[in-house]
Amino acid sequence: MTVNWSQDVYDRALRYAANAHHGQKFRRTELPYLIHPTLACMEVIAALAEEDHHDGNLAVQCALLHDVLEDTHIFYEDLQKQFGTDVADGVLALSKDKSLPESEQMADSLLRIQKQPSAVWIVKLGDRISNLSEPPEWWTTEKKVNYQESARQIYDALHTASPFMARRMKDKITAYGKYIGK
């Protein structure tokens, strides 16, 4: 098996994400927010180990940086300058367009992701897989049900990018039912 991503590329993107997310916490815990993009990237790296047809460097960078446009002071032009247009475009596709009504944001993002290379698709799958862990205690049952349903939306739109990630996502969606009483 050939590794199709560079540890130096990973290191550079991780440090950039760490600086961008500095001081942010993960889901109202004391954990640094950076745990989330690194968990999403772990899922991506696992898929890259199984499937070598994705651009690994693009996937790794987008995984580590996927929330910087949405949740920090970083702008598209900053990412483009630091990481190139492909990475900036991938991260932009992975970011919600907050100018749209919340009910339209997921469908819009999925359409934009589908116009990107498969490396970006697997980042979205890895992002949601990593988020399908125990939900925050303050989430209502309705919020949990909606979250599981949006995971199904993501699966339906993107599962063809990676059989490995599709299986993992399907299992995580099913397992998430325990938080809803299913």
N, C-alpha and C. Protein backbone atom coordinates (compact mmCIF):
# COMPACT_ATOMS: atom_id res chain seq x y z
N MET A 1 0.84 -1.18 0.00
CA MET A 1 0.00 0.00 0.00
C MET A 1 0.88 1.25 0.00
N THR A 2 0.53 2.21 -0.81
CA THR A 2 1.25 3.47 -0.89
C THR A 2 0.50 4.53 -0.10
N VAL A 3 1.22 5.28 0.70
CA VAL A 3 0.63 6.41 1.42
C VAL A 3 0.57 7.58 0.46
N ASN A 4 -0.61 8.13 0.28
CA ASN A 4 -0.77 9.23 -0.69
C ASN A 4 -1.01 10.58 -0.03
N TRP A 5 -0.47 10.76 1.15
CA TRP A 5 -0.52 12.06 1.81
C TRP A 5 0.78 12.24 2.58
N SER A 6 1.13 13.47 2.80
CA SER A 6 2.41 13.80 3.40
C SER A 6 2.25 14.22 4.86
N GLN A 7 3.12 13.72 5.69
CA GLN A 7 3.10 14.12 7.10
C GLN A 7 3.43 15.60 7.25
N ASP A 8 4.26 16.13 6.37
CA ASP A 8 4.59 17.56 6.42
C ASP A 8 3.37 18.41 6.08
N VAL A 9 2.57 17.96 5.11
CA VAL A 9 1.33 18.65 4.75
C VAL A 9 0.36 18.61 5.92
N TYR A 10 0.24 17.45 6.56
CA TYR A 10 -0.61 17.29 7.74
C TYR A 10 -0.16 18.26 8.84
N ASP A 11 1.14 18.26 9.12
CA ASP A 11 1.68 19.11 10.19
C ASP A 11 1.36 20.59 9.94
N ARG A 12 1.57 21.04 8.73
CA ARG A 12 1.33 22.45 8.38
C ARG A 12 -0.15 22.82 8.55
N ALA A 13 -1.04 21.96 8.06
CA ALA A 13 -2.48 22.23 8.18
C ALA A 13 -2.93 22.15 9.63
N LEU A 14 -2.40 21.20 10.39
CA LEU A 14 -2.76 21.07 11.80
C LEU A 14 -2.35 22.31 12.59
N ARG A 15 -1.16 22.79 12.36
CA ARG A 15 -0.70 23.99 13.07
C ARG A 15 -1.55 25.22 12.71
N TYR A 16 -1.91 25.32 11.44
CA TYR A 16 -2.75 26.43 11.00
C TYR A 16 -4.12 26.35 11.68
N ALA A 17 -4.71 25.15 11.68
CA ALA A 17 -6.01 24.95 12.33
C ALA A 17 -5.92 25.24 13.82
N ALA A 18 -4.84 24.82 14.45
CA ALA A 18 -4.67 25.06 15.89
C ALA A 18 -4.64 26.55 16.19
N ASN A 19 -3.93 27.30 15.38
CA ASN A 19 -3.90 28.75 15.58
C ASN A 19 -5.27 29.37 15.30
N ALA A 20 -5.93 28.93 14.25
CA ALA A 20 -7.24 29.49 13.90
C ALA A 20 -8.28 29.21 14.98
N HIS A 21 -8.24 28.02 15.55
CA HIS A 21 -9.24 27.62 16.56
C HIS A 21 -8.77 27.88 17.99
N HIS A 22 -7.64 28.56 18.14
CA HIS A 22 -7.06 28.78 19.47
C HIS A 22 -8.11 29.39 20.42
N GLY A 23 -8.22 28.77 21.58
CA GLY A 23 -9.15 29.25 22.60
C GLY A 23 -10.56 28.71 22.48
N GLN A 24 -10.91 28.13 21.35
CA GLN A 24 -12.25 27.56 21.19
C GLN A 24 -12.33 26.21 21.91
N LYS A 25 -13.49 25.92 22.45
CA LYS A 25 -13.71 24.65 23.16
C LYS A 25 -14.66 23.77 22.35
N PHE A 26 -14.57 22.48 22.60
CA PHE A 26 -15.40 21.51 21.88
C PHE A 26 -16.67 21.23 22.66
N ARG A 27 -17.81 21.53 22.04
CA ARG A 27 -19.14 21.23 22.59
C ARG A 27 -19.28 21.56 24.07
N ARG A 28 -18.94 22.76 24.41
CA ARG A 28 -19.08 23.24 25.79
C ARG A 28 -18.36 22.35 26.81
N THR A 29 -17.23 21.81 26.41
CA THR A 29 -16.38 21.06 27.34
C THR A 29 -15.11 21.87 27.56
N GLU A 30 -14.20 21.33 28.29
CA GLU A 30 -12.90 21.97 28.47
C GLU A 30 -11.89 21.48 27.44
N LEU A 31 -12.31 20.58 26.56
CA LEU A 31 -11.42 20.08 25.51
C LEU A 31 -11.22 21.14 24.44
N PRO A 32 -10.01 21.26 23.91
CA PRO A 32 -9.80 22.22 22.82
C PRO A 32 -10.60 21.78 21.59
N TYR A 33 -11.11 22.75 20.85
CA TYR A 33 -11.91 22.46 19.66
C TYR A 33 -11.14 21.62 18.65
N LEU A 34 -9.83 21.76 18.64
CA LEU A 34 -9.00 21.06 17.67
C LEU A 34 -9.21 19.55 17.70
N ILE A 35 -9.74 19.03 18.80
CA ILE A 35 -10.01 17.60 18.85
C ILE A 35 -10.97 17.19 17.73
N HIS A 36 -11.92 18.04 17.40
CA HIS A 36 -12.89 17.68 16.36
C HIS A 36 -12.25 17.53 14.98
N PRO A 37 -11.54 18.54 14.46
CA PRO A 37 -10.94 18.33 13.14
C PRO A 37 -9.92 17.19 13.11
N THR A 38 -9.22 16.95 14.22
CA THR A 38 -8.27 15.84 14.20
C THR A 38 -8.99 14.50 14.20
N LEU A 39 -10.13 14.39 14.86
CA LEU A 39 -10.92 13.16 14.79
C LEU A 39 -11.49 12.96 13.39
N ALA A 40 -11.98 14.03 12.77
CA ALA A 40 -12.47 13.92 11.39
C ALA A 40 -11.33 13.50 10.47
N CYS A 41 -10.14 14.04 10.69
CA CYS A 41 -8.99 13.69 9.87
C CYS A 41 -8.58 12.23 10.10
N MET A 42 -8.71 11.74 11.32
CA MET A 42 -8.41 10.34 11.60
C MET A 42 -9.30 9.44 10.74
N GLU A 43 -10.59 9.80 10.64
CA GLU A 43 -11.51 9.02 9.81
C GLU A 43 -11.07 9.06 8.35
N VAL A 44 -10.66 10.22 7.88
CA VAL A 44 -10.20 10.39 6.50
C VAL A 44 -8.95 9.54 6.26
N ILE A 45 -8.00 9.59 7.19
CA ILE A 45 -6.76 8.83 7.02
C ILE A 45 -7.05 7.33 6.99
N ALA A 46 -8.00 6.88 7.79
CA ALA A 46 -8.39 5.46 7.75
C ALA A 46 -8.93 5.10 6.37
N ALA A 47 -9.73 5.97 5.80
CA ALA A 47 -10.27 5.72 4.45
C ALA A 47 -9.15 5.73 3.41
N LEU A 48 -8.21 6.66 3.56
CA LEU A 48 -7.09 6.74 2.61
C LEU A 48 -6.24 5.47 2.66
N ALA A 49 -6.16 4.85 3.83
CA ALA A 49 -5.40 3.60 3.96
C ALA A 49 -6.08 2.45 3.21
N GLU A 50 -7.39 2.54 3.07
CA GLU A 50 -8.16 1.50 2.38
C GLU A 50 -8.35 1.77 0.90
N GLU A 51 -8.38 3.03 0.54
CA GLU A 51 -8.71 3.43 -0.83
C GLU A 51 -7.70 4.48 -1.30
N ASP A 52 -6.94 4.15 -2.31
CA ASP A 52 -5.88 5.07 -2.73
C ASP A 52 -6.26 5.94 -3.93
N HIS A 53 -7.53 6.01 -4.28
CA HIS A 53 -7.93 6.82 -5.44
C HIS A 53 -8.28 8.27 -5.09
N HIS A 54 -8.20 8.62 -3.83
CA HIS A 54 -8.48 9.99 -3.40
C HIS A 54 -7.17 10.77 -3.33
N ASP A 55 -7.23 12.08 -3.53
CA ASP A 55 -6.08 12.94 -3.33
C ASP A 55 -5.87 13.10 -1.82
N GLY A 56 -4.92 12.34 -1.29
CA GLY A 56 -4.73 12.30 0.15
C GLY A 56 -4.35 13.63 0.77
N ASN A 57 -3.47 14.37 0.12
CA ASN A 57 -3.09 15.67 0.68
C ASN A 57 -4.26 16.64 0.71
N LEU A 58 -5.07 16.63 -0.33
CA LEU A 58 -6.26 17.49 -0.33
C LEU A 58 -7.21 17.07 0.79
N ALA A 59 -7.43 15.78 0.94
CA ALA A 59 -8.34 15.28 1.97
C ALA A 59 -7.86 15.63 3.37
N VAL A 60 -6.59 15.41 3.64
CA VAL A 60 -6.04 15.68 4.97
C VAL A 60 -6.13 17.17 5.29
N GLN A 61 -5.74 18.01 4.35
CA GLN A 61 -5.78 19.45 4.61
C GLN A 61 -7.22 19.92 4.82
N CYS A 62 -8.12 19.49 3.97
CA CYS A 62 -9.53 19.90 4.12
C CYS A 62 -10.12 19.39 5.43
N ALA A 63 -9.74 18.18 5.84
CA ALA A 63 -10.26 17.64 7.11
C ALA A 63 -9.80 18.50 8.29
N LEU A 64 -8.54 18.83 8.31
CA LEU A 64 -8.02 19.61 9.44
C LEU A 64 -8.52 21.05 9.43
N LEU A 65 -8.80 21.56 8.25
CA LEU A 65 -9.19 22.97 8.11
C LEU A 65 -10.69 23.16 7.89
N HIS A 66 -11.48 22.09 7.93
CA HIS A 66 -12.85 22.16 7.43
C HIS A 66 -13.76 23.16 8.16
N ASP A 67 -13.43 23.54 9.36
CA ASP A 67 -14.27 24.49 10.10
C ASP A 67 -13.68 25.89 10.21
N VAL A 68 -12.52 26.14 9.62
CA VAL A 68 -11.90 27.45 9.85
C VAL A 68 -12.66 28.60 9.19
N LEU A 69 -13.28 28.38 8.05
CA LEU A 69 -14.05 29.46 7.43
C LEU A 69 -15.36 29.71 8.18
N GLU A 70 -15.94 28.64 8.66
CA GLU A 70 -17.25 28.72 9.31
C GLU A 70 -17.16 29.24 10.75
N ASP A 71 -16.08 28.91 11.44
CA ASP A 71 -16.04 29.14 12.89
C ASP A 71 -14.91 30.02 13.40
N THR A 72 -14.14 30.63 12.49
CA THR A 72 -13.02 31.46 12.96
C THR A 72 -12.96 32.77 12.17
N HIS A 73 -11.93 33.50 12.40
CA HIS A 73 -11.69 34.79 11.72
C HIS A 73 -11.02 34.61 10.36
N ILE A 74 -10.77 33.40 9.94
CA ILE A 74 -10.07 33.13 8.68
C ILE A 74 -11.02 33.33 7.50
N PHE A 75 -10.52 33.93 6.44
CA PHE A 75 -11.29 34.15 5.22
C PHE A 75 -10.80 33.23 4.11
N TYR A 76 -11.64 33.05 3.11
CA TYR A 76 -11.32 32.22 1.94
C TYR A 76 -9.96 32.61 1.36
N GLU A 77 -9.73 33.89 1.19
CA GLU A 77 -8.49 34.38 0.59
C GLU A 77 -7.27 34.00 1.42
N ASP A 78 -7.43 33.96 2.75
CA ASP A 78 -6.34 33.53 3.62
C ASP A 78 -5.97 32.07 3.33
N LEU A 79 -7.00 31.23 3.25
CA LEU A 79 -6.76 29.81 2.96
C LEU A 79 -6.16 29.63 1.57
N GLN A 80 -6.68 30.36 0.62
CA GLN A 80 -6.20 30.26 -0.75
C GLN A 80 -4.71 30.62 -0.81
N LYS A 81 -4.34 31.66 -0.12
CA LYS A 81 -2.94 32.11 -0.12
C LYS A 81 -2.04 31.07 0.56
N GLN A 82 -2.50 30.51 1.66
CA GLN A 82 -1.69 29.57 2.43
C GLN A 82 -1.65 28.15 1.87
N PHE A 83 -2.79 27.70 1.30
CA PHE A 83 -2.92 26.29 0.92
C PHE A 83 -3.32 26.06 -0.53
N GLY A 84 -3.61 27.11 -1.27
CA GLY A 84 -3.98 26.96 -2.67
C GLY A 84 -5.49 26.93 -2.88
N THR A 85 -5.87 27.08 -4.13
CA THR A 85 -7.29 27.17 -4.49
C THR A 85 -8.05 25.88 -4.23
N ASP A 86 -7.43 24.73 -4.51
CA ASP A 86 -8.15 23.46 -4.32
C ASP A 86 -8.56 23.27 -2.86
N VAL A 87 -7.65 23.54 -1.94
CA VAL A 87 -7.96 23.40 -0.51
C VAL A 87 -8.99 24.45 -0.10
N ALA A 88 -8.79 25.69 -0.51
CA ALA A 88 -9.74 26.76 -0.15
C ALA A 88 -11.13 26.45 -0.69
N ASP A 89 -11.21 25.97 -1.93
CA ASP A 89 -12.51 25.61 -2.52
C ASP A 89 -13.15 24.45 -1.76
N GLY A 90 -12.34 23.47 -1.38
CA GLY A 90 -12.87 22.33 -0.63
C GLY A 90 -13.42 22.76 0.72
N VAL A 91 -12.67 23.57 1.44
CA VAL A 91 -13.12 24.05 2.75
C VAL A 91 -14.37 24.92 2.60
N LEU A 92 -14.40 25.75 1.57
CA LEU A 92 -15.59 26.58 1.33
C LEU A 92 -16.82 25.70 1.08
N ALA A 93 -16.68 24.65 0.29
CA ALA A 93 -17.80 23.74 0.03
C ALA A 93 -18.26 23.06 1.32
N LEU A 94 -17.33 22.77 2.21
CA LEU A 94 -17.65 22.10 3.48
C LEU A 94 -18.27 23.05 4.51
N SER A 95 -18.23 24.34 4.23
CA SER A 95 -18.74 25.35 5.16
C SER A 95 -20.18 25.70 4.85
N LYS A 96 -20.96 25.84 5.91
CA LYS A 96 -22.35 26.27 5.73
C LYS A 96 -22.39 27.71 5.24
N ASP A 97 -23.33 27.99 4.38
CA ASP A 97 -23.57 29.36 3.94
C ASP A 97 -24.59 29.95 4.90
N LYS A 98 -24.12 30.72 5.85
CA LYS A 98 -24.98 31.24 6.91
C LYS A 98 -25.92 32.34 6.43
N SER A 99 -25.77 32.76 5.17
CA SER A 99 -26.72 33.74 4.63
C SER A 99 -28.02 33.07 4.22
N LEU A 100 -28.02 31.74 4.13
CA LEU A 100 -29.23 30.98 3.79
C LEU A 100 -29.99 30.63 5.05
N PRO A 101 -31.29 30.38 4.93
CA PRO A 101 -32.04 29.88 6.09
C PRO A 101 -31.42 28.55 6.55
N GLU A 102 -31.42 28.32 7.84
CA GLU A 102 -30.79 27.11 8.39
C GLU A 102 -31.33 25.84 7.72
N SER A 103 -32.60 25.83 7.39
CA SER A 103 -33.22 24.65 6.78
C SER A 103 -32.65 24.33 5.39
N GLU A 104 -31.98 25.30 4.76
CA GLU A 104 -31.43 25.10 3.41
C GLU A 104 -29.91 24.89 3.41
N GLN A 105 -29.26 25.11 4.53
CA GLN A 105 -27.81 25.11 4.56
C GLN A 105 -27.19 23.76 4.23
N MET A 106 -27.74 22.67 4.75
CA MET A 106 -27.15 21.35 4.51
C MET A 106 -27.26 20.97 3.03
N ALA A 107 -28.44 21.12 2.46
CA ALA A 107 -28.63 20.76 1.04
C ALA A 107 -27.70 21.59 0.15
N ASP A 108 -27.57 22.86 0.46
CA ASP A 108 -26.67 23.72 -0.31
C ASP A 108 -25.23 23.25 -0.20
N SER A 109 -24.78 22.95 1.00
CA SER A 109 -23.41 22.50 1.19
C SER A 109 -23.17 21.17 0.47
N LEU A 110 -24.12 20.26 0.54
CA LEU A 110 -23.96 18.97 -0.13
C LEU A 110 -23.85 19.14 -1.64
N LEU A 111 -24.63 20.05 -2.20
CA LEU A 111 -24.53 20.31 -3.64
C LEU A 111 -23.15 20.86 -4.00
N ARG A 112 -22.64 21.75 -3.16
CA ARG A 112 -21.31 22.31 -3.42
C ARG A 112 -20.22 21.27 -3.25
N ILE A 113 -20.37 20.39 -2.25
CA ILE A 113 -19.40 19.32 -2.03
C ILE A 113 -19.38 18.37 -3.24
N GLN A 114 -20.56 18.07 -3.79
CA GLN A 114 -20.64 17.14 -4.91
C GLN A 114 -19.93 17.68 -6.17
N LYS A 115 -19.65 18.95 -6.21
CA LYS A 115 -18.90 19.53 -7.33
C LYS A 115 -17.39 19.47 -7.10
N GLN A 116 -16.99 18.97 -5.95
CA GLN A 116 -15.58 18.88 -5.57
C GLN A 116 -15.06 17.46 -5.83
N PRO A 117 -13.73 17.28 -5.78
CA PRO A 117 -13.16 15.94 -5.90
C PRO A 117 -13.61 15.04 -4.74
N SER A 118 -13.50 13.73 -4.94
CA SER A 118 -13.93 12.77 -3.92
C SER A 118 -13.22 12.97 -2.59
N ALA A 119 -12.03 13.53 -2.60
CA ALA A 119 -11.29 13.80 -1.36
C ALA A 119 -12.09 14.71 -0.43
N VAL A 120 -12.84 15.64 -0.99
CA VAL A 120 -13.65 16.55 -0.19
C VAL A 120 -14.91 15.82 0.30
N TRP A 121 -15.45 14.95 -0.52
CA TRP A 121 -16.62 14.17 -0.11
C TRP A 121 -16.31 13.36 1.14
N ILE A 122 -15.14 12.71 1.14
CA ILE A 122 -14.82 11.86 2.30
C ILE A 122 -14.56 12.69 3.55
N VAL A 123 -14.17 13.94 3.38
CA VAL A 123 -14.02 14.81 4.55
C VAL A 123 -15.38 15.04 5.21
N LYS A 124 -16.40 15.30 4.42
CA LYS A 124 -17.74 15.51 4.99
C LYS A 124 -18.22 14.24 5.69
N LEU A 125 -17.97 13.10 5.07
CA LEU A 125 -18.33 11.84 5.71
C LEU A 125 -17.56 11.67 7.02
N GLY A 126 -16.27 11.94 7.01
CA GLY A 126 -15.46 11.83 8.22
C GLY A 126 -15.89 12.82 9.29
N ASP A 127 -16.27 14.01 8.88
CA ASP A 127 -16.76 15.03 9.81
C ASP A 127 -18.00 14.52 10.54
N ARG A 128 -18.96 14.02 9.78
CA ARG A 128 -20.19 13.56 10.44
C ARG A 128 -19.97 12.28 11.22
N ILE A 129 -19.13 11.38 10.73
CA ILE A 129 -18.83 10.16 11.49
C ILE A 129 -18.26 10.54 12.85
N SER A 130 -17.34 11.47 12.87
CA SER A 130 -16.73 11.87 14.14
C SER A 130 -17.73 12.57 15.04
N ASN A 131 -18.75 13.19 14.47
CA ASN A 131 -19.77 13.87 15.27
C ASN A 131 -20.90 12.96 15.72
N LEU A 132 -20.95 11.75 15.19
CA LEU A 132 -22.01 10.82 15.58
C LEU A 132 -21.62 10.04 16.84
N SER A 133 -20.95 10.70 17.74
CA SER A 133 -20.65 10.14 19.04
C SER A 133 -21.75 10.62 19.99
N GLU A 134 -21.57 10.45 21.26
CA GLU A 134 -22.60 10.85 22.22
C GLU A 134 -22.90 12.34 22.07
N PRO A 135 -24.18 12.68 21.87
CA PRO A 135 -24.54 14.09 21.72
C PRO A 135 -24.44 14.82 23.05
N PRO A 136 -24.33 16.13 22.98
CA PRO A 136 -24.31 16.91 24.23
C PRO A 136 -25.57 16.66 25.05
N GLU A 137 -25.43 16.67 26.33
CA GLU A 137 -26.55 16.34 27.23
C GLU A 137 -27.72 17.31 27.13
N TRP A 138 -27.46 18.53 26.68
CA TRP A 138 -28.54 19.52 26.59
C TRP A 138 -29.36 19.39 25.31
N TRP A 139 -28.96 18.53 24.38
CA TRP A 139 -29.73 18.36 23.15
C TRP A 139 -31.06 17.68 23.45
N THR A 140 -32.10 18.19 22.86
CA THR A 140 -33.41 17.58 23.00
C THR A 140 -33.49 16.34 22.12
N THR A 141 -34.49 15.52 22.36
CA THR A 141 -34.70 14.34 21.51
C THR A 141 -34.93 14.77 20.07
N GLU A 142 -35.68 15.85 19.87
CA GLU A 142 -35.92 16.35 18.52
C GLU A 142 -34.63 16.73 17.82
N LYS A 143 -33.73 17.39 18.53
CA LYS A 143 -32.44 17.78 17.96
C LYS A 143 -31.63 16.54 17.57
N LYS A 144 -31.64 15.52 18.42
CA LYS A 144 -30.92 14.28 18.13
C LYS A 144 -31.51 13.58 16.91
N VAL A 145 -32.83 13.54 16.82
CA VAL A 145 -33.49 12.92 15.67
C VAL A 145 -33.13 13.68 14.39
N ASN A 146 -33.17 15.00 14.45
CA ASN A 146 -32.81 15.82 13.29
C ASN A 146 -31.35 15.62 12.89
N TYR A 147 -30.49 15.46 13.88
CA TYR A 147 -29.07 15.25 13.59
C TYR A 147 -28.85 13.91 12.89
N GLN A 148 -29.53 12.90 13.36
CA GLN A 148 -29.43 11.59 12.72
C GLN A 148 -29.99 11.65 11.30
N GLU A 149 -31.07 12.37 11.12
CA GLU A 149 -31.65 12.50 9.79
C GLU A 149 -30.72 13.26 8.85
N SER A 150 -30.06 14.29 9.34
CA SER A 150 -29.13 15.01 8.48
C SER A 150 -27.92 14.12 8.15
N ALA A 151 -27.56 13.23 9.06
CA ALA A 151 -26.49 12.26 8.75
C ALA A 151 -26.93 11.34 7.61
N ARG A 152 -28.19 10.95 7.61
CA ARG A 152 -28.71 10.13 6.50
C ARG A 152 -28.67 10.91 5.18
N GLN A 153 -28.97 12.19 5.25
CA GLN A 153 -28.88 13.06 4.06
C GLN A 153 -27.46 13.08 3.51
N ILE A 154 -26.51 13.23 4.39
CA ILE A 154 -25.10 13.24 4.00
C ILE A 154 -24.73 11.89 3.38
N TYR A 155 -25.14 10.83 4.04
CA TYR A 155 -24.86 9.49 3.52
C TYR A 155 -25.44 9.32 2.12
N ASP A 156 -26.70 9.67 1.97
CA ASP A 156 -27.37 9.51 0.67
C ASP A 156 -26.66 10.29 -0.43
N ALA A 157 -26.19 11.48 -0.12
CA ALA A 157 -25.57 12.34 -1.12
C ALA A 157 -24.14 11.94 -1.45
N LEU A 158 -23.40 11.37 -0.48
CA LEU A 158 -21.96 11.23 -0.65
C LEU A 158 -21.41 9.81 -0.52
N HIS A 159 -22.24 8.83 -0.21
CA HIS A 159 -21.72 7.49 0.08
C HIS A 159 -20.96 6.85 -1.08
N THR A 160 -21.24 7.27 -2.30
CA THR A 160 -20.57 6.65 -3.45
C THR A 160 -19.09 7.02 -3.55
N ALA A 161 -18.65 8.00 -2.80
CA ALA A 161 -17.23 8.42 -2.84
C ALA A 161 -16.31 7.37 -2.23
N SER A 162 -16.84 6.59 -1.30
CA SER A 162 -15.96 5.68 -0.56
C SER A 162 -16.75 4.53 0.06
N PRO A 163 -16.59 3.33 -0.45
CA PRO A 163 -17.26 2.19 0.20
C PRO A 163 -16.85 2.03 1.66
N PHE A 164 -15.59 2.28 1.97
CA PHE A 164 -15.11 2.19 3.35
C PHE A 164 -15.85 3.18 4.25
N MET A 165 -15.90 4.45 3.83
CA MET A 165 -16.57 5.48 4.64
C MET A 165 -18.08 5.25 4.67
N ALA A 166 -18.64 4.75 3.58
CA ALA A 166 -20.09 4.48 3.55
C ALA A 166 -20.46 3.45 4.61
N ARG A 167 -19.67 2.38 4.71
CA ARG A 167 -19.96 1.35 5.73
C ARG A 167 -19.84 1.95 7.14
N ARG A 168 -18.79 2.70 7.35
CA ARG A 168 -18.56 3.30 8.67
C ARG A 168 -19.69 4.27 9.02
N MET A 169 -20.09 5.07 8.06
CA MET A 169 -21.17 6.05 8.29
C MET A 169 -22.48 5.33 8.59
N LYS A 170 -22.79 4.33 7.82
CA LYS A 170 -24.05 3.58 8.03
C LYS A 170 -24.08 2.98 9.43
N ASP A 171 -22.97 2.39 9.85
CA ASP A 171 -22.89 1.81 11.20
C ASP A 171 -23.04 2.88 12.28
N LYS A 172 -22.42 4.04 12.08
CA LYS A 172 -22.52 5.11 13.07
C LYS A 172 -23.94 5.68 13.15
N ILE A 173 -24.61 5.80 12.01
CA ILE A 173 -25.99 6.28 12.01
C ILE A 173 -26.88 5.31 12.79
N THR A 174 -26.70 4.03 12.55
CA THR A 174 -27.48 3.02 13.27
C THR A 174 -27.19 3.07 14.76
N ALA A 175 -25.92 3.12 15.12
CA ALA A 175 -25.53 3.15 16.53
C ALA A 175 -26.03 4.42 17.23
N TYR A 176 -26.15 5.53 16.50
CA TYR A 176 -26.62 6.79 17.08
C TYR A 176 -28.06 6.65 17.58
N GLY A 177 -28.79 5.69 17.05
CA GLY A 177 -30.16 5.46 17.50
C GLY A 177 -30.29 5.23 18.99
N LYS A 178 -29.23 4.73 19.64
CA LYS A 178 -29.30 4.49 21.08
C LYS A 178 -29.47 5.79 21.88
N TYR A 179 -29.08 6.91 21.29
CA TYR A 179 -29.24 8.19 21.97
C TYR A 179 -30.64 8.75 21.80
N ILE A 180 -31.41 8.12 20.93
CA ILE A 180 -32.78 8.57 20.66
C ILE A 180 -33.79 7.56 21.19
N GLY A 181 -33.30 6.43 21.64
CA GLY A 181 -34.18 5.38 22.13
C GLY A 181 -34.64 4.44 21.03
N LYS A 182 -33.88 4.40 19.91
CA LYS A 182 -34.22 3.48 18.82
C LYS A 182 -33.32 2.28 18.84
